[in-house]
Protein backbone atom coordinates (compact mmCIF):
# COMPACT_ATOMS: atom_id res chain seq x y z
CA MET A 1 137.52 9.34 -130.18
CA SER A 2 137.85 5.64 -130.31
CA GLU A 3 135.14 3.55 -132.02
CA GLY A 4 132.77 1.69 -129.61
CA ARG A 5 129.84 -0.84 -129.74
CA SER A 6 126.52 -0.55 -127.86
CA THR A 7 125.43 -3.48 -125.63
CA GLY A 8 121.93 -2.34 -124.84
CA PRO A 9 120.31 -0.20 -122.16
CA GLY A 10 122.14 0.00 -118.78
CA THR A 11 125.20 -2.04 -119.85
CA GLY A 12 128.61 -1.06 -120.99
CA PRO A 13 130.76 -2.64 -123.58
CA MET A 14 131.97 -6.26 -123.03
CA TYR A 15 135.74 -6.49 -122.62
CA PRO A 16 137.99 -9.59 -122.88
CA ASP A 17 138.86 -9.57 -119.14
CA GLN A 18 135.20 -9.52 -118.27
CA HIS A 19 134.61 -12.68 -120.37
CA ALA A 20 137.31 -14.52 -118.43
CA ASP A 21 135.80 -13.56 -115.08
CA ASP A 22 132.35 -14.79 -116.11
CA ALA A 23 133.68 -18.20 -117.21
CA GLU A 24 135.52 -18.63 -113.92
CA ARG A 25 132.36 -17.85 -111.94
CA ALA A 26 130.37 -20.43 -113.94
CA ARG A 27 132.93 -23.17 -113.23
CA SER A 28 132.86 -22.27 -109.54
CA VAL A 29 129.06 -22.59 -109.44
CA ARG A 30 129.21 -26.01 -111.13
CA ARG A 31 131.80 -27.24 -108.62
CA ARG A 32 129.70 -26.08 -105.68
CA THR A 33 126.62 -27.75 -107.15
CA SER A 34 128.47 -31.07 -107.59
CA VAL A 35 129.76 -30.96 -104.03
CA GLY A 36 126.23 -30.27 -102.73
CA VAL A 37 124.73 -33.21 -104.66
CA ALA A 38 127.45 -35.54 -103.38
CA ALA A 39 126.85 -34.39 -99.83
CA VAL A 40 123.10 -35.06 -100.14
CA ALA A 41 123.80 -38.54 -101.52
CA LEU A 42 126.13 -39.34 -98.62
CA VAL A 43 123.49 -38.26 -96.12
CA ALA A 44 120.85 -40.44 -97.83
CA VAL A 45 123.15 -43.48 -97.73
CA ALA A 46 123.90 -42.89 -94.07
CA LEU A 47 120.21 -42.68 -93.25
CA GLY A 48 119.48 -45.89 -95.19
CA VAL A 49 122.19 -47.80 -93.33
CA ALA A 50 120.87 -46.51 -90.03
CA ALA A 51 117.34 -47.63 -90.93
CA LEU A 52 118.53 -51.12 -91.82
CA THR A 53 120.58 -51.56 -88.66
CA TRP A 54 118.04 -50.02 -86.29
CA ARG A 55 116.43 -52.47 -83.87
CA SER A 56 113.73 -51.94 -81.28
CA PRO A 57 115.14 -51.93 -77.72
CA ASP A 58 112.21 -54.17 -76.63
CA VAL A 59 112.81 -56.89 -79.21
CA GLY A 60 115.62 -59.40 -78.89
CA ASP A 61 115.69 -61.06 -82.28
CA PRO A 62 115.31 -60.05 -85.93
CA ASP A 63 112.07 -62.02 -86.39
CA ALA A 64 110.45 -60.24 -83.49
CA SER A 65 111.43 -56.82 -84.85
CA ALA A 66 108.86 -57.25 -87.59
CA ALA A 67 106.21 -57.78 -84.93
CA ALA A 68 107.48 -54.69 -83.09
CA GLY A 69 106.70 -52.65 -86.17
CA GLN A 70 103.01 -53.43 -85.81
CA THR A 71 100.86 -50.74 -84.22
CA ALA A 72 100.12 -51.55 -80.58
CA THR A 73 97.02 -50.19 -78.92
CA THR A 74 97.16 -49.33 -75.23
CA THR A 75 94.67 -50.24 -72.59
CA PRO A 76 92.99 -47.51 -70.54
CA GLY A 77 95.70 -48.03 -67.90
CA GLY A 78 98.32 -46.79 -70.35
CA SER A 79 100.66 -49.80 -70.06
CA GLY A 80 101.52 -49.64 -73.73
CA SER A 81 101.13 -53.38 -74.23
CA PRO A 82 98.99 -54.63 -77.14
CA SER A 83 95.32 -54.91 -76.30
CA GLN A 84 93.82 -58.39 -76.12
CA ASP A 85 90.97 -57.13 -78.27
CA GLN A 86 93.35 -56.59 -81.18
CA SER A 87 94.09 -60.30 -81.71
CA PRO A 88 93.51 -61.33 -85.31
CA THR A 89 90.16 -62.89 -86.13
CA PRO A 90 90.68 -66.62 -86.74
CA THR A 91 89.77 -67.88 -90.15
CA ALA A 92 86.87 -70.33 -90.09
CA ASP A 93 87.81 -73.83 -91.08
CA PRO A 94 85.96 -75.40 -93.97
CA THR A 95 82.81 -77.13 -92.84
CA THR A 96 83.55 -80.79 -92.22
CA PRO A 97 80.61 -83.15 -92.75
CA PRO A 98 79.69 -85.21 -89.67
CA PRO A 99 81.03 -88.72 -89.62
CA VAL A 100 78.72 -91.24 -91.11
CA THR A 101 77.34 -93.52 -88.49
CA ALA A 102 77.09 -97.09 -89.60
CA ALA A 103 73.51 -98.40 -89.68
CA PRO A 104 72.72 -101.52 -87.67
CA THR A 105 73.32 -104.68 -89.63
CA ASP A 106 70.60 -107.23 -90.32
CA ALA A 107 72.25 -109.58 -87.86
CA SER A 108 72.37 -107.01 -85.04
CA LEU A 109 69.30 -108.51 -83.30
CA PRO A 110 70.57 -111.29 -81.01
CA LEU A 111 69.20 -114.76 -81.58
CA ARG A 112 67.40 -116.60 -78.83
CA PRO A 113 68.29 -120.14 -77.77
CA LEU A 114 66.98 -123.06 -79.83
CA THR A 115 64.27 -123.93 -77.32
CA GLU A 116 60.56 -123.27 -76.89
CA ARG A 117 59.91 -119.58 -76.43
CA PHE A 118 56.86 -119.87 -74.19
CA THR A 119 57.02 -122.15 -71.18
CA SER A 120 55.73 -122.03 -67.62
CA GLU A 121 58.85 -120.07 -66.63
CA VAL A 122 58.11 -117.23 -69.08
CA THR A 123 55.94 -114.50 -67.58
CA SER A 124 55.27 -112.49 -70.77
CA ILE A 125 56.11 -112.72 -74.46
CA VAL A 126 54.84 -111.28 -77.75
CA SER A 127 56.00 -112.25 -81.22
CA ASP A 128 56.98 -109.59 -83.73
CA THR A 129 54.32 -108.19 -86.06
CA PRO A 130 54.98 -108.90 -89.75
CA ASP A 131 55.03 -106.05 -92.25
CA ALA A 132 52.49 -105.89 -95.05
CA GLY A 133 55.21 -106.20 -97.70
CA ASP A 134 56.83 -109.35 -98.97
CA ARG A 135 60.15 -108.82 -97.17
CA LEU A 136 60.23 -109.26 -93.41
CA ALA A 137 62.36 -107.06 -91.21
CA ASP A 138 64.62 -108.61 -88.61
CA GLY A 139 62.45 -110.20 -85.96
CA ASP A 140 61.13 -113.33 -84.27
CA TYR A 141 57.82 -114.23 -85.93
CA PHE A 142 55.26 -116.85 -85.04
CA GLY A 143 53.03 -118.84 -87.36
CA THR A 144 51.84 -122.09 -88.83
CA LEU A 145 54.10 -124.08 -91.13
CA VAL A 146 52.30 -124.84 -94.38
CA ALA A 147 55.14 -126.44 -96.33
CA ALA A 148 58.92 -126.80 -96.36
CA ASP A 149 60.92 -127.21 -99.58
CA PRO A 150 64.32 -128.87 -99.03
CA GLY A 151 65.37 -128.38 -102.67
CA GLY A 152 64.34 -124.74 -102.95
CA ARG A 153 65.30 -124.12 -99.32
CA THR A 154 62.14 -122.20 -98.49
CA VAL A 155 59.34 -122.43 -95.98
CA SER A 156 55.72 -121.49 -96.61
CA VAL A 157 54.11 -120.03 -93.51
CA ASP A 158 50.96 -118.30 -92.31
CA LEU A 159 52.10 -115.77 -89.74
CA GLY A 160 50.10 -114.55 -86.76
CA ILE A 161 50.91 -112.89 -83.45
CA PHE A 162 51.57 -114.91 -80.32
CA TYR A 163 50.76 -113.46 -76.89
CA GLY A 164 51.86 -115.31 -73.79
CA GLY A 165 51.58 -114.74 -70.04
CA THR A 166 50.64 -111.24 -68.91
CA ALA A 167 50.79 -110.01 -72.51
CA ALA A 168 47.99 -112.48 -73.37
CA GLU A 169 45.92 -111.32 -70.41
CA GLU A 170 46.30 -107.67 -71.37
CA TYR A 171 45.36 -108.33 -74.98
CA VAL A 172 42.27 -110.41 -74.16
CA ARG A 173 41.05 -107.99 -71.47
CA THR A 174 41.35 -105.08 -73.93
CA HIS A 175 40.24 -106.66 -77.21
CA GLU A 176 38.03 -109.56 -76.07
CA PRO A 177 36.25 -108.24 -72.96
CA ASP A 178 33.32 -110.65 -73.22
CA PHE A 179 35.60 -113.67 -73.42
CA TRP A 180 37.72 -112.26 -70.63
CA ALA A 181 34.68 -111.87 -68.41
CA GLY A 182 33.33 -115.30 -69.34
CA GLU A 183 36.62 -116.93 -68.32
CA GLY A 184 36.60 -115.15 -65.01
CA GLY A 185 39.44 -112.76 -65.89
CA THR A 186 41.88 -115.37 -67.09
CA VAL A 187 43.27 -116.73 -70.36
CA PRO A 188 43.12 -120.52 -70.72
CA ASN A 189 46.60 -122.08 -70.82
CA GLY A 190 48.12 -118.60 -70.66
CA TYR A 191 48.46 -117.87 -74.38
CA TRP A 192 46.48 -116.25 -77.18
CA ILE A 193 47.13 -116.38 -80.94
CA VAL A 194 45.83 -113.67 -83.27
CA ASN A 195 45.63 -114.32 -87.01
CA ASP A 196 43.13 -111.95 -88.57
CA VAL A 197 44.27 -112.40 -92.18
CA GLU A 198 45.32 -115.67 -93.72
CA ARG A 199 48.32 -115.05 -95.97
CA ILE A 200 50.81 -117.65 -97.08
CA ARG A 201 54.34 -116.30 -97.30
CA VAL A 202 57.22 -118.12 -98.94
CA LEU A 203 60.38 -117.29 -97.00
CA PRO A 204 63.95 -118.19 -97.99
CA VAL A 205 66.10 -119.90 -95.39
CA SER A 206 69.78 -119.19 -94.82
CA PRO A 207 72.43 -121.76 -95.85
CA ASP A 208 73.19 -122.50 -92.20
CA VAL A 209 69.63 -122.36 -90.86
CA ALA A 210 69.10 -124.13 -87.55
CA VAL A 211 65.93 -126.11 -86.82
CA ALA A 212 64.73 -127.28 -83.41
CA THR A 213 61.51 -129.21 -82.73
CA TRP A 214 59.92 -129.78 -79.35
CA CYS A 215 59.75 -133.26 -77.95
CA PHE A 216 58.69 -135.24 -74.87
CA SER A 217 61.30 -136.72 -72.60
CA THR A 218 60.96 -140.23 -71.20
CA GLY A 219 62.09 -138.79 -67.89
CA SER A 220 60.04 -135.70 -67.17
CA GLY A 221 59.10 -132.55 -68.99
CA GLY A 222 60.02 -131.74 -72.54
CA GLY A 223 62.90 -130.53 -74.58
CA ALA A 224 64.04 -129.81 -78.11
CA VAL A 225 65.75 -131.75 -80.86
CA VAL A 226 68.06 -129.89 -83.23
CA ARG A 227 67.46 -131.07 -86.76
CA ASP A 228 69.07 -130.81 -90.18
CA PHE A 229 66.92 -128.60 -92.43
CA GLU A 230 66.75 -131.07 -95.32
CA GLU A 231 65.80 -133.91 -92.99
CA TRP A 232 63.22 -131.85 -91.16
CA ALA A 233 61.73 -130.45 -94.41
CA ALA A 234 61.35 -133.98 -95.81
CA ALA A 235 59.70 -135.25 -92.62
CA ALA A 236 55.98 -135.11 -91.84
CA THR A 237 53.91 -133.80 -88.98
CA SER A 238 52.60 -136.58 -86.77
CA SER A 239 50.30 -136.65 -83.80
CA ALA A 240 52.55 -139.28 -82.27
CA PRO A 241 54.82 -137.72 -79.65
CA LEU A 242 58.41 -137.13 -80.64
CA VAL A 243 60.68 -138.68 -78.05
CA CYS A 244 63.65 -136.54 -77.14
CA GLU A 245 65.96 -139.49 -76.44
CA SER A 246 65.24 -141.27 -79.75
CA PRO A 247 63.63 -138.84 -82.22
CA ASP A 248 62.16 -140.32 -85.39
CA PRO A 249 63.81 -138.56 -88.36
CA ALA A 250 60.61 -138.98 -90.39
CA VAL A 251 58.57 -136.99 -87.86
CA ARG A 252 58.75 -133.23 -87.42
CA GLN A 253 56.68 -132.76 -84.28
CA ALA A 254 53.08 -133.13 -83.15
CA ASN A 255 51.90 -129.71 -84.43
CA ASP A 256 52.82 -127.14 -87.05
CA LEU A 257 53.40 -124.14 -84.76
CA TYR A 258 56.86 -122.58 -85.03
CA TRP A 259 58.88 -119.46 -84.40
CA PHE A 260 60.60 -118.18 -87.51
CA ASP A 261 63.58 -115.96 -86.70
CA VAL A 262 64.39 -113.68 -89.64
CA ARG A 263 67.72 -111.88 -90.08
CA GLY A 264 68.74 -110.10 -93.26
CA GLY A 265 65.64 -111.24 -95.16
CA GLU A 266 66.24 -114.95 -94.49
CA VAL A 267 65.00 -117.41 -91.90
CA VAL A 268 68.00 -118.32 -89.76
CA GLN A 269 66.19 -120.29 -87.03
CA VAL A 270 63.03 -122.42 -86.96
CA VAL A 271 61.92 -123.32 -83.44
CA GLY A 272 58.88 -125.47 -82.62
CA GLN A 273 56.39 -124.32 -79.98
CA TYR A 274 54.37 -126.67 -77.81
CA VAL A 275 50.90 -125.53 -76.72
CA PRO A 276 48.38 -127.61 -74.75
């Protein structure tokens, strides 16, 4: 009997030819595995190329293909077009502050002509009411001239309120009923001056202030004489009438009643007012 070697339960002895067959089968398995992996790789590459070159049949350019990839919702009619309700919500713009509106300038109130403000042709007029403070807002004020300083370029005035025409009648009928009744429902000479508190204000005048004083004409009626501020300030009030055709530079006018037009905190016009 030849000598043998046990290989364990259920197996026979391992012979040299059997070893060769097993090695060949292992190489065959490895070759098949490599071929399978290569085939899978080729399929993956082909699919990737197809994905890159695919284009939607409804889109005509590459940029639009990106939009075609977005999910489109259909309307109840089933048209397949994107719903109008799916439009993106616009982003709110930053809040822009409203434009600043320029405030009216001090010179925005138009100036009246350099003539008497109340004449027989004027049906109604009221001067502006002065504020309690030292600075006057833009307005046309009425008062009595107390002094004029040509060097300091100021005027000292006691302001009141002038009512003329129908404005005077309304004021007297409302605030002075006894006087109104005693005059038979009229206002003598058509004007009324109210000055409840005596207060002297010193007002600066502008560098180009204009001054006009009333005068009598040798022909008929009256008029006004435009004066230089320094000359007028140095002159004196005289009861003698100022003649329009040949005004005396040393005479202001026959009374001290004036309109003081204030713009930007300065007096820009001084206009004399004749009253009978």
